[in-house]
Amino acid sequence: MLRSVKELEGYTINATDGDVGHVKDCYFDDEAWVIRYFIVRTGDWLSGRRVLISPRAIGKPIQSEKRIPVFITREQVKNSPDIDTDKPVSRQHEIRYFAYYGYPYYWGGTGIWGESSYPGMLVPDAGYDAVASEDNSLETNAVTADGIQKPNDQHLRSCNEVSKYRVHASDGDLGHVNGLLVDETTWSIRYLIVATSNWGVGHSVLISPEWVDDVSWSNEKMSIDLSRQAIKDSPIYDPTVELDREHELNIYKHYGRTGYWTEHEKQQNRL
């Protein structure tokens, strides 16, 4: 199922032994276009501290209760590495985070989650010791919470920040990003919700990240490898109607592209 990242904002994170806090934002990987962390504002029990929760620990969101179960305890969250989400999140921070929770690295491998397409299929590597890695050069691999790129960063971006970027088609201005739709199974970002009102069309359309030609993170601008007319004539996105596969098929058919689920289904059949 696809969900709006904006919808998930404010959802309660529920550990195995009680509530942790509420979703404030998410960090996504701008190379794989997949959510890597939920940024969670904890309650008074932890002085409102912000913590990172990996999709590795995330269960299926419960929309009716606006709640997301996680397979960790409040004590684990309390003792987790202190990461200031207002400052760059470095690879070194990630290594310590994974070591604490016993997760393998998501980078490397052929899948978006290491060797897998699913965060829940990650298996800790008995041979890796993240704590032992003290390569200080990793500290330069960082991105700030406002999405500003740093040299050699880890390509982590704030969903909230990107959800206001200007969008340009191949032949001119189009509109602006108005949200992201994410697959709650893989946590891949499947679509950018683009509001075309700045161009005078006045409706929203869905654009796959695969069709993004270039992103200027410093100028908060995306370039799409599609013409304005093609986008104007594409199926209209109505956020009040659940997005089904038929609508997705119509989008990809309109652009003459192959659906992302084709490769997804092939991988499932190989399992």
C-alpha atoms as a PDB file:
ATOM      1  CA  MET A   1       0.000   0.000   0.000  1.00  0.00           C
ATOM      2  CA  LEU A   2       1.156   3.536  -0.790  1.00  0.00           C
ATOM      3  CA  ARG A   3       0.930   6.220   1.878  1.00  0.00           C
ATOM      4  CA  SER A   4       1.569   9.925   1.972  1.00  0.00           C
ATOM      5  CA  VAL A   5       4.593  10.819   4.068  1.00  0.00           C
ATOM      6  CA  LYS A   6       2.654  13.868   5.250  1.00  0.00           C
ATOM      7  CA  GLU A   7      -0.068  11.551   6.519  1.00  0.00           C
ATOM      8  CA  LEU A   8       2.460   9.644   8.615  1.00  0.00           C
ATOM      9  CA  GLU A   9       3.679  12.837  10.249  1.00  0.00           C
ATOM     10  CA  GLY A  10       2.229  12.961  13.748  1.00  0.00           C
ATOM     11  CA  TYR A  11       1.600   9.209  13.954  1.00  0.00           C
ATOM     12  CA  THR A  12       2.379   7.732  17.374  1.00  0.00           C
ATOM     13  CA  ILE A  13       5.365   5.402  17.500  1.00  0.00           C
ATOM     14  CA  ASN A  14       4.390   2.507  19.734  1.00  0.00           C
ATOM     15  CA  ALA A  15       7.202   0.344  21.154  1.00  0.00           C
ATOM     16  CA  THR A  16       6.591  -3.163  22.495  1.00  0.00           C
ATOM     17  CA  ASP A  17       6.156  -1.709  26.000  1.00  0.00           C
ATOM     18  CA  GLY A  18       4.576   1.680  25.418  1.00  0.00           C
ATOM     19  CA  ASP A  19       4.554   4.866  23.342  1.00  0.00           C
ATOM     20  CA  VAL A  20       7.840   6.448  22.279  1.00  0.00           C
ATOM     21  CA  GLY A  21       6.696   9.670  20.649  1.00  0.00           C
ATOM     22  CA  HIS A  22       5.437  11.037  17.336  1.00  0.00           C
ATOM     23  CA  VAL A  23       6.788  11.083  13.782  1.00  0.00           C
ATOM     24  CA  LYS A  24       8.165  14.519  12.950  1.00  0.00           C
ATOM     25  CA  ASP A  25       9.874  13.872   9.616  1.00  0.00           C
ATOM     26  CA  CYS A  26      11.731  11.201   7.639  1.00  0.00           C
ATOM     27  CA  TYR A  27      15.162  11.028   6.079  1.00  0.00           C
ATOM     28  CA  PHE A  28      15.329   9.504   2.619  1.00  0.00           C
ATOM     29  CA  ASP A  29      18.287   8.374   0.527  1.00  0.00           C
ATOM     30  CA  ASP A  30      18.416  10.582  -2.577  1.00  0.00           C
ATOM     31  CA  GLU A  31      20.211   7.901  -4.606  1.00  0.00           C
ATOM     32  CA  ALA A  32      17.828   4.993  -3.929  1.00  0.00           C
ATOM     33  CA  TRP A  33      14.783   7.170  -3.098  1.00  0.00           C
ATOM     34  CA  VAL A  34      13.945   5.108  -0.033  1.00  0.00           C
ATOM     35  CA  ILE A  35      13.135   6.120   3.557  1.00  0.00           C
ATOM     36  CA  ARG A  36      16.127   5.317   5.783  1.00  0.00           C
ATOM     37  CA  TYR A  37      14.929   6.777   9.096  1.00  0.00           C
ATOM     38  CA  PHE A  38      11.859   8.097  10.843  1.00  0.00           C
ATOM     39  CA  ILE A  39      12.665  11.173  12.915  1.00  0.00           C
ATOM     40  CA  VAL A  40      10.656  10.807  16.113  1.00  0.00           C
ATOM     41  CA  ARG A  41      10.042  13.462  18.734  1.00  0.00           C
ATOM     42  CA  THR A  42       9.844  11.639  22.043  1.00  0.00           C
ATOM     43  CA  GLY A  43       7.455  12.584  24.818  1.00  0.00           C
ATOM     44  CA  ASP A  44       8.147  14.003  28.272  1.00  0.00           C
ATOM     45  CA  TRP A  45       9.498  10.629  29.401  1.00  0.00           C
ATOM     46  CA  LEU A  46      12.654  11.415  27.395  1.00  0.00           C
ATOM     47  CA  SER A  47      12.546  15.214  27.605  1.00  0.00           C
ATOM     48  CA  GLY A  48      11.300  15.565  24.048  1.00  0.00           C
ATOM     49  CA  ARG A  49      14.541  14.210  22.604  1.00  0.00           C
ATOM     50  CA  ARG A  50      14.479  13.411  18.886  1.00  0.00           C
ATOM     51  CA  VAL A  51      15.557   9.918  17.907  1.00  0.00           C
ATOM     52  CA  LEU A  52      15.949   7.961  14.686  1.00  0.00           C
ATOM     53  CA  ILE A  53      13.950   4.792  14.073  1.00  0.00           C
ATOM     54  CA  SER A  54      14.962   2.552  11.171  1.00  0.00           C
ATOM     55  CA  PRO A  55      12.327   0.884   8.955  1.00  0.00           C
ATOM     56  CA  ARG A  56      14.064  -2.317  10.101  1.00  0.00           C
ATOM     57  CA  ALA A  57      12.046  -1.961  13.321  1.00  0.00           C
ATOM     58  CA  ILE A  58       8.844  -0.605  11.792  1.00  0.00           C
ATOM     59  CA  GLY A  59       5.617  -2.600  11.611  1.00  0.00           C
ATOM     60  CA  LYS A  60       2.583  -1.926   9.433  1.00  0.00           C
ATOM     61  CA  PRO A  61       1.090   1.534  10.136  1.00  0.00           C
ATOM     62  CA  ILE A  62      -2.418   1.438  11.614  1.00  0.00           C
ATOM     63  CA  GLN A  63      -4.262   4.249   9.885  1.00  0.00           C
ATOM     64  CA  SER A  64      -7.427   4.111  12.006  1.00  0.00           C
ATOM     65  CA  GLU A  65      -5.363   4.678  15.159  1.00  0.00           C
ATOM     66  CA  LYS A  66      -2.664   6.873  13.589  1.00  0.00           C
ATOM     67  CA  ARG A  67      -0.105   4.577  15.131  1.00  0.00           C
ATOM     68  CA  ILE A  68       3.005   2.743  13.966  1.00  0.00           C
ATOM     69  CA  PRO A  69       4.157  -0.300  15.968  1.00  0.00           C
ATOM     70  CA  VAL A  70       7.912  -0.820  16.295  1.00  0.00           C
ATOM     71  CA  PHE A  71       9.712  -3.963  17.385  1.00  0.00           C
ATOM     72  CA  ILE A  72      11.981  -2.352  19.958  1.00  0.00           C
ATOM     73  CA  THR A  73      11.499  -1.301  23.584  1.00  0.00           C
ATOM     74  CA  ARG A  74      11.393   2.137  25.177  1.00  0.00           C
ATOM     75  CA  GLU A  75      14.562   1.222  27.064  1.00  0.00           C
ATOM     76  CA  GLN A  76      16.345   0.524  23.794  1.00  0.00           C
ATOM     77  CA  VAL A  77      15.253   3.904  22.458  1.00  0.00           C
ATOM     78  CA  LYS A  78      16.316   5.618  25.687  1.00  0.00           C
ATOM     79  CA  ASN A  79      19.836   4.144  25.525  1.00  0.00           C
ATOM     80  CA  SER A  80      20.271   4.511  21.755  1.00  0.00           C
ATOM     81  CA  PRO A  81      23.126   6.641  20.387  1.00  0.00           C
ATOM     82  CA  ASP A  82      22.379  10.338  20.783  1.00  0.00           C
ATOM     83  CA  ILE A  83      22.057  11.814  17.293  1.00  0.00           C
ATOM     84  CA  ASP A  84      21.268  15.514  16.977  1.00  0.00           C
ATOM     85  CA  THR A  85      18.847  15.637  14.040  1.00  0.00           C
ATOM     86  CA  ASP A  86      19.429  19.392  13.706  1.00  0.00           C
ATOM     87  CA  LYS A  87      23.010  18.630  12.694  1.00  0.00           C
ATOM     88  CA  PRO A  88      24.493  16.488   9.916  1.00  0.00           C
ATOM     89  CA  VAL A  89      23.854  12.760  10.217  1.00  0.00           C
ATOM     90  CA  SER A  90      27.153  11.155   9.307  1.00  0.00           C
ATOM     91  CA  ARG A  91      28.005   7.651   8.213  1.00  0.00           C
ATOM     92  CA  GLN A  92      29.893   7.261  11.479  1.00  0.00           C
ATOM     93  CA  HIS A  93      26.663   8.036  13.347  1.00  0.00           C
ATOM     94  CA  GLU A  94      24.873   5.434  11.270  1.00  0.00           C
ATOM     95  CA  ILE A  95      27.541   2.807  11.948  1.00  0.00           C
ATOM     96  CA  ARG A  96      27.195   3.330  15.701  1.00  0.00           C
ATOM     97  CA  TYR A  97      23.414   3.287  15.408  1.00  0.00           C
ATOM     98  CA  PHE A  98      23.436  -0.039  13.539  1.00  0.00           C
ATOM     99  CA  ALA A  99      25.936  -1.519  15.966  1.00  0.00           C
ATOM    100  CA  TYR A 100      23.704  -0.615  18.899  1.00  0.00           C
ATOM    101  CA  TYR A 101      20.614  -2.248  17.399  1.00  0.00           C
ATOM    102  CA  GLY A 102      22.486  -5.126  15.765  1.00  0.00           C
ATOM    103  CA  TYR A 103      21.434  -4.178  12.233  1.00  0.00           C
ATOM    104  CA  PRO A 104      23.571  -4.831   9.163  1.00  0.00           C
ATOM    105  CA  TYR A 105      24.421  -1.917   6.869  1.00  0.00           C
ATOM    106  CA  TYR A 106      21.895  -1.018   4.184  1.00  0.00           C
ATOM    107  CA  TRP A 107      24.602   0.232   1.818  1.00  0.00           C
ATOM    108  CA  GLY A 108      26.319  -2.210  -0.505  1.00  0.00           C
ATOM    109  CA  GLY A 109      24.683  -5.205  -2.129  1.00  0.00           C
ATOM    110  CA  THR A 110      22.317  -5.334  -5.071  1.00  0.00           C
ATOM    111  CA  GLY A 111      19.084  -4.430  -3.279  1.00  0.00           C
ATOM    112  CA  ILE A 112      17.869  -1.155  -1.802  1.00  0.00           C
ATOM    113  CA  TRP A 113      18.378  -2.730   1.631  1.00  0.00           C
ATOM    114  CA  GLY A 114      21.793  -4.304   1.169  1.00  0.00           C
ATOM    115  CA  GLU A 115      21.147  -7.667  -0.440  1.00  0.00           C
ATOM    116  CA  SER A 116      17.382  -7.376  -0.038  1.00  0.00           C
ATOM    117  CA  SER A 117      14.512  -5.240  -1.291  1.00  0.00           C
ATOM    118  CA  TYR A 118      12.835  -5.311   2.111  1.00  0.00           C
ATOM    119  CA  PRO A 119      14.100  -3.868   5.412  1.00  0.00           C
ATOM    120  CA  GLY A 120      12.426  -6.697   7.328  1.00  0.00           C
ATOM    121  CA  MET A 121      14.570  -9.264   5.527  1.00  0.00           C
ATOM    122  CA  LEU A 122      17.853  -7.838   6.777  1.00  0.00           C
ATOM    123  CA  VAL A 123      19.886 -10.434   8.648  1.00  0.00           C
ATOM    124  CA  PRO A 124      22.649  -9.291  11.043  1.00  0.00           C
ATOM    125  CA  ASP A 125      26.088 -10.185   9.785  1.00  0.00           C
ATOM    126  CA  ALA A 126      27.936 -12.130  12.473  1.00  0.00           C
ATOM    127  CA  GLY A 127      31.220 -10.954  11.044  1.00  0.00           C
ATOM    128  CA  TYR A 128      30.701  -7.228  11.276  1.00  0.00           C
ATOM    129  CA  ASP A 129      31.607  -5.036  14.206  1.00  0.00           C
ATOM    130  CA  ALA A 130      30.443  -1.489  13.632  1.00  0.00           C
ATOM    131  CA  VAL A 131      31.769  -0.226  16.946  1.00  0.00           C
ATOM    132  CA  ALA A 132      35.279  -1.137  15.931  1.00  0.00           C
ATOM    133  CA  SER A 133      35.131   1.173  12.916  1.00  0.00           C
ATOM    134  CA  GLU A 134      36.694   4.477  13.920  1.00  0.00           C
ATOM    135  CA  ASP A 135      37.474   5.989  10.522  1.00  0.00           C
ATOM    136  CA  ASN A 136      37.176   9.698  11.280  1.00  0.00           C
ATOM    137  CA  SER A 137      36.934  10.509   7.590  1.00  0.00           C
ATOM    138  CA  LEU A 138      33.389   9.158   7.720  1.00  0.00           C
ATOM    139  CA  GLU A 139      32.370  12.216   9.704  1.00  0.00           C
ATOM    140  CA  THR A 140      32.414  14.241   6.458  1.00  0.00           C
ATOM    141  CA  ASN A 141      29.622  12.100   4.998  1.00  0.00           C
ATOM    142  CA  ALA A 142      26.800  14.249   6.297  1.00  0.00           C
ATOM    143  CA  VAL A 143      23.595  16.084   5.471  1.00  0.00           C
ATOM    144  CA  THR A 144      21.877  18.701   7.567  1.00  0.00           C
ATOM    145  CA  ALA A 145      18.230  18.464   8.597  1.00  0.00           C
ATOM    146  CA  ASP A 146      17.393  21.300   6.172  1.00  0.00           C
ATOM    147  CA  GLY A 147      18.605  19.193   3.253  1.00  0.00           C
ATOM    148  CA  ILE A 148      21.769  21.176   2.474  1.00  0.00           C
ATOM    149  CA  GLN A 149      24.351  18.978   0.826  1.00  0.00           C
ATOM    150  CA  LYS A 150      27.800  18.600   2.365  1.00  0.00           C
ATOM    151  CA  PRO A 151      30.922  17.257   0.617  1.00  0.00           C
ATOM    152  CA  ASN A 152      30.867  13.447   0.404  1.00  0.00           C
ATOM    153  CA  ASP A 153      27.577  13.298   2.280  1.00  0.00           C
ATOM    154  CA  GLN A 154      25.467  10.193   2.762  1.00  0.00           C
ATOM    155  CA  HIS A 155      22.680  11.544   0.582  1.00  0.00           C
ATOM    156  CA  LEU A 156      20.107  11.727   3.365  1.00  0.00           C
ATOM    157  CA  ARG A 157      17.393  14.328   2.790  1.00  0.00           C
ATOM    158  CA  SER A 158      14.464  15.633   4.784  1.00  0.00           C
ATOM    159  CA  CYS A 159      11.093  14.676   3.307  1.00  0.00           C
ATOM    160  CA  ASN A 160       9.564  17.856   4.726  1.00  0.00           C
ATOM    161  CA  GLU A 161      12.130  20.032   3.001  1.00  0.00           C
ATOM    162  CA  VAL A 162      11.823  18.334  -0.380  1.00  0.00           C
ATOM    163  CA  SER A 163       8.034  18.607  -0.187  1.00  0.00           C
ATOM    164  CA  LYS A 164       8.199  22.248  -1.238  1.00  0.00           C
ATOM    165  CA  TYR A 165      10.763  22.151  -4.038  1.00  0.00           C
ATOM    166  CA  ARG A 166      10.006  23.849  -7.365  1.00  0.00           C
ATOM    167  CA  VAL A 167       9.585  21.531 -10.357  1.00  0.00           C
ATOM    168  CA  HIS A 168      10.659  22.180 -13.946  1.00  0.00           C
ATOM    169  CA  ALA A 169       9.597  20.110 -16.941  1.00  0.00           C
ATOM    170  CA  SER A 170      11.871  19.673 -19.955  1.00  0.00           C
ATOM    171  CA  ASP A 171      10.331  22.763 -21.582  1.00  0.00           C
ATOM    172  CA  GLY A 172       9.590  25.116 -18.692  1.00  0.00           C
ATOM    173  CA  ASP A 173       8.276  25.683 -15.190  1.00  0.00           C
ATOM    174  CA  LEU A 174       5.663  23.246 -13.967  1.00  0.00           C
ATOM    175  CA  GLY A 175       4.788  23.724 -10.293  1.00  0.00           C
ATOM    176  CA  HIS A 176       6.074  22.448  -6.987  1.00  0.00           C
ATOM    177  CA  VAL A 177       6.378  19.240  -4.986  1.00  0.00           C
ATOM    178  CA  ASN A 178       3.425  18.886  -2.643  1.00  0.00           C
ATOM    179  CA  GLY A 179       4.180  15.556  -1.018  1.00  0.00           C
ATOM    180  CA  LEU A 180       5.634  12.074  -1.400  1.00  0.00           C
ATOM    181  CA  LEU A 181       3.942   8.683  -1.681  1.00  0.00           C
ATOM    182  CA  VAL A 182       5.856   5.822  -0.088  1.00  0.00           C
ATOM    183  CA  ASP A 183       5.494   2.040  -0.315  1.00  0.00           C
ATOM    184  CA  GLU A 184       5.015   0.828   3.260  1.00  0.00           C
ATOM    185  CA  THR A 185       6.508  -2.590   2.420  1.00  0.00           C
ATOM    186  CA  THR A 186       9.882  -1.506   1.056  1.00  0.00           C
ATOM    187  CA  TRP A 187       9.670   2.152   2.191  1.00  0.00           C
ATOM    188  CA  SER A 188      10.621   3.221  -1.331  1.00  0.00           C
ATOM    189  CA  ILE A 189       9.333   6.603  -2.476  1.00  0.00           C
ATOM    190  CA  ARG A 190       7.180   5.698  -5.467  1.00  0.00           C
ATOM    191  CA  TYR A 191       5.850   9.114  -6.441  1.00  0.00           C
ATOM    192  CA  LEU A 192       6.329  12.824  -6.044  1.00  0.00           C
ATOM    193  CA  ILE A 193       2.980  14.594  -5.763  1.00  0.00           C
ATOM    194  CA  VAL A 194       3.363  17.643  -8.000  1.00  0.00           C
ATOM    195  CA  ALA A 195       0.945  20.569  -7.796  1.00  0.00           C
ATOM    196  CA  THR A 196       0.711  22.212 -11.222  1.00  0.00           C
ATOM    197  CA  SER A 197      -1.205  25.290 -10.030  1.00  0.00           C
ATOM    198  CA  ASN A 198       1.765  27.649 -10.654  1.00  0.00           C
ATOM    199  CA  TRP A 199       1.434  26.779 -14.336  1.00  0.00           C
ATOM    200  CA  GLY A 200      -2.282  27.465 -14.442  1.00  0.00           C
ATOM    201  CA  VAL A 201      -3.445  23.851 -14.807  1.00  0.00           C
ATOM    202  CA  GLY A 202      -4.665  23.664 -11.206  1.00  0.00           C
ATOM    203  CA  HIS A 203      -4.414  19.976 -10.358  1.00  0.00           C
ATOM    204  CA  SER A 204      -1.961  17.461  -8.929  1.00  0.00           C
ATOM    205  CA  VAL A 205      -0.151  14.708 -10.813  1.00  0.00           C
ATOM    206  CA  LEU A 206       2.172  11.876  -9.830  1.00  0.00           C
ATOM    207  CA  ILE A 207       5.771  11.726 -11.021  1.00  0.00           C
ATOM    208  CA  SER A 208       8.090   8.784 -10.404  1.00  0.00           C
ATOM    209  CA  PRO A 209      11.511   9.653  -8.929  1.00  0.00           C
ATOM    210  CA  GLU A 210      12.939   7.625 -11.834  1.00  0.00           C
ATOM    211  CA  TRP A 211      11.878  10.450 -14.150  1.00  0.00           C
ATOM    212  CA  VAL A 212      13.741  13.110 -12.175  1.00  0.00           C
ATOM    213  CA  ASP A 213      16.568  14.312 -14.398  1.00  0.00           C
ATOM    214  CA  ASP A 214      18.385  16.482 -11.889  1.00  0.00           C
ATOM    215  CA  VAL A 215      17.977  17.992  -8.430  1.00  0.00           C
ATOM    216  CA  SER A 216      19.579  21.232  -7.275  1.00  0.00           C
ATOM    217  CA  TRP A 217      19.515  20.770  -3.502  1.00  0.00           C
ATOM    218  CA  SER A 218      20.950  24.240  -2.871  1.00  0.00           C
ATOM    219  CA  ASN A 219      18.330  25.928  -5.098  1.00  0.00           C
ATOM    220  CA  GLU A 220      15.459  23.645  -4.001  1.00  0.00           C
ATOM    221  CA  LYS A 221      14.600  22.757  -7.587  1.00  0.00           C
ATOM    222  CA  MET A 222      13.894  19.513  -9.484  1.00  0.00           C
ATOM    223  CA  SER A 223      14.057  18.939 -13.224  1.00  0.00           C
ATOM    224  CA  ILE A 224      11.762  16.306 -14.766  1.00  0.00           C
ATOM    225  CA  ASP A 225      12.522  14.484 -18.016  1.00  0.00           C
ATOM    226  CA  LEU A 226       8.982  15.045 -19.340  1.00  0.00           C
ATOM    227  CA  SER A 227       7.280  17.837 -21.274  1.00  0.00           C
ATOM    228  CA  ARG A 228       4.704  20.128 -19.711  1.00  0.00           C
ATOM    229  CA  GLN A 229       2.064  18.963 -22.181  1.00  0.00           C
ATOM    230  CA  ALA A 230       2.704  15.297 -21.367  1.00  0.00           C
ATOM    231  CA  ILE A 231       2.362  16.048 -17.682  1.00  0.00           C
ATOM    232  CA  LYS A 232      -0.739  18.200 -18.266  1.00  0.00           C
ATOM    233  CA  ASP A 233      -2.430  15.294 -20.073  1.00  0.00           C
ATOM    234  CA  SER A 234      -1.455  12.665 -17.487  1.00  0.00           C
ATOM    235  CA  PRO A 235      -4.014  11.109 -15.100  1.00  0.00           C
ATOM    236  CA  ILE A 236      -5.045  13.536 -12.350  1.00  0.00           C
ATOM    237  CA  TYR A 237      -4.176  12.574  -8.797  1.00  0.00           C
ATOM    238  CA  ASP A 238      -6.966  12.926  -6.239  1.00  0.00           C
ATOM    239  CA  PRO A 239      -5.628  12.496  -2.673  1.00  0.00           C
ATOM    240  CA  THR A 240      -9.128  11.727  -1.390  1.00  0.00           C
ATOM    241  CA  VAL A 241      -9.306   8.571  -3.529  1.00  0.00           C
ATOM    242  CA  GLU A 242      -7.153   5.547  -2.698  1.00  0.00           C
ATOM    243  CA  LEU A 243      -4.502   5.032  -5.360  1.00  0.00           C
ATOM    244  CA  ASP A 244      -5.017   1.610  -6.923  1.00  0.00           C
ATOM    245  CA  ARG A 245      -2.955  -0.387  -9.420  1.00  0.00           C
ATOM    246  CA  GLU A 246      -5.290   0.530 -12.285  1.00  0.00           C
ATOM    247  CA  HIS A 247      -4.526   4.222 -11.766  1.00  0.00           C
ATOM    248  CA  GLU A 248      -0.814   3.440 -11.610  1.00  0.00           C
ATOM    249  CA  LEU A 249      -1.055   1.412 -14.823  1.00  0.00           C
ATOM    250  CA  ASN A 250      -2.711   4.380 -16.521  1.00  0.00           C
ATOM    251  CA  ILE A 251       0.111   6.686 -15.410  1.00  0.00           C
ATOM    252  CA  TYR A 252       2.867   4.425 -16.701  1.00  0.00           C
ATOM    253  CA  LYS A 253       0.948   3.656 -19.909  1.00  0.00           C
ATOM    254  CA  HIS A 254       0.504   7.387 -20.513  1.00  0.00           C
ATOM    255  CA  TYR A 255       4.251   7.941 -20.340  1.00  0.00           C
ATOM    256  CA  GLY A 256       5.143   4.708 -22.130  1.00  0.00           C
ATOM    257  CA  ARG A 257       7.143   3.467 -19.153  1.00  0.00           C
ATOM    258  CA  THR A 258       7.399   0.082 -17.428  1.00  0.00           C
ATOM    259  CA  GLY A 259       5.865  -0.068 -13.941  1.00  0.00           C
ATOM    260  CA  TYR A 260       8.159  -0.391 -10.947  1.00  0.00           C
ATOM    261  CA  TRP A 261       6.111  -3.392  -9.752  1.00  0.00           C
ATOM    262  CA  THR A 262       7.308  -5.483 -12.729  1.00  0.00           C
ATOM    263  CA  GLU A 263      10.801  -5.835 -11.279  1.00  0.00           C
ATOM    264  CA  HIS A 264       9.324  -6.047  -7.785  1.00  0.00           C
ATOM    265  CA  GLU A 265       7.210  -9.057  -8.797  1.00  0.00           C
ATOM    266  CA  LYS A 266      10.200 -10.720 -10.463  1.00  0.00           C
ATOM    267  CA  GLN A 267      12.174 -10.456  -7.228  1.00  0.00           C
ATOM    268  CA  GLN A 268       9.269 -11.918  -5.252  1.00  0.00           C
ATOM    269  CA  ASN A 269       9.063 -14.869  -7.618  1.00  0.00           C
ATOM    270  CA  ARG A 270      12.760 -15.574  -7.088  1.00  0.00           C
ATOM    271  CA  LEU A 271      12.335 -15.777  -3.309  1.00  0.00           C
END
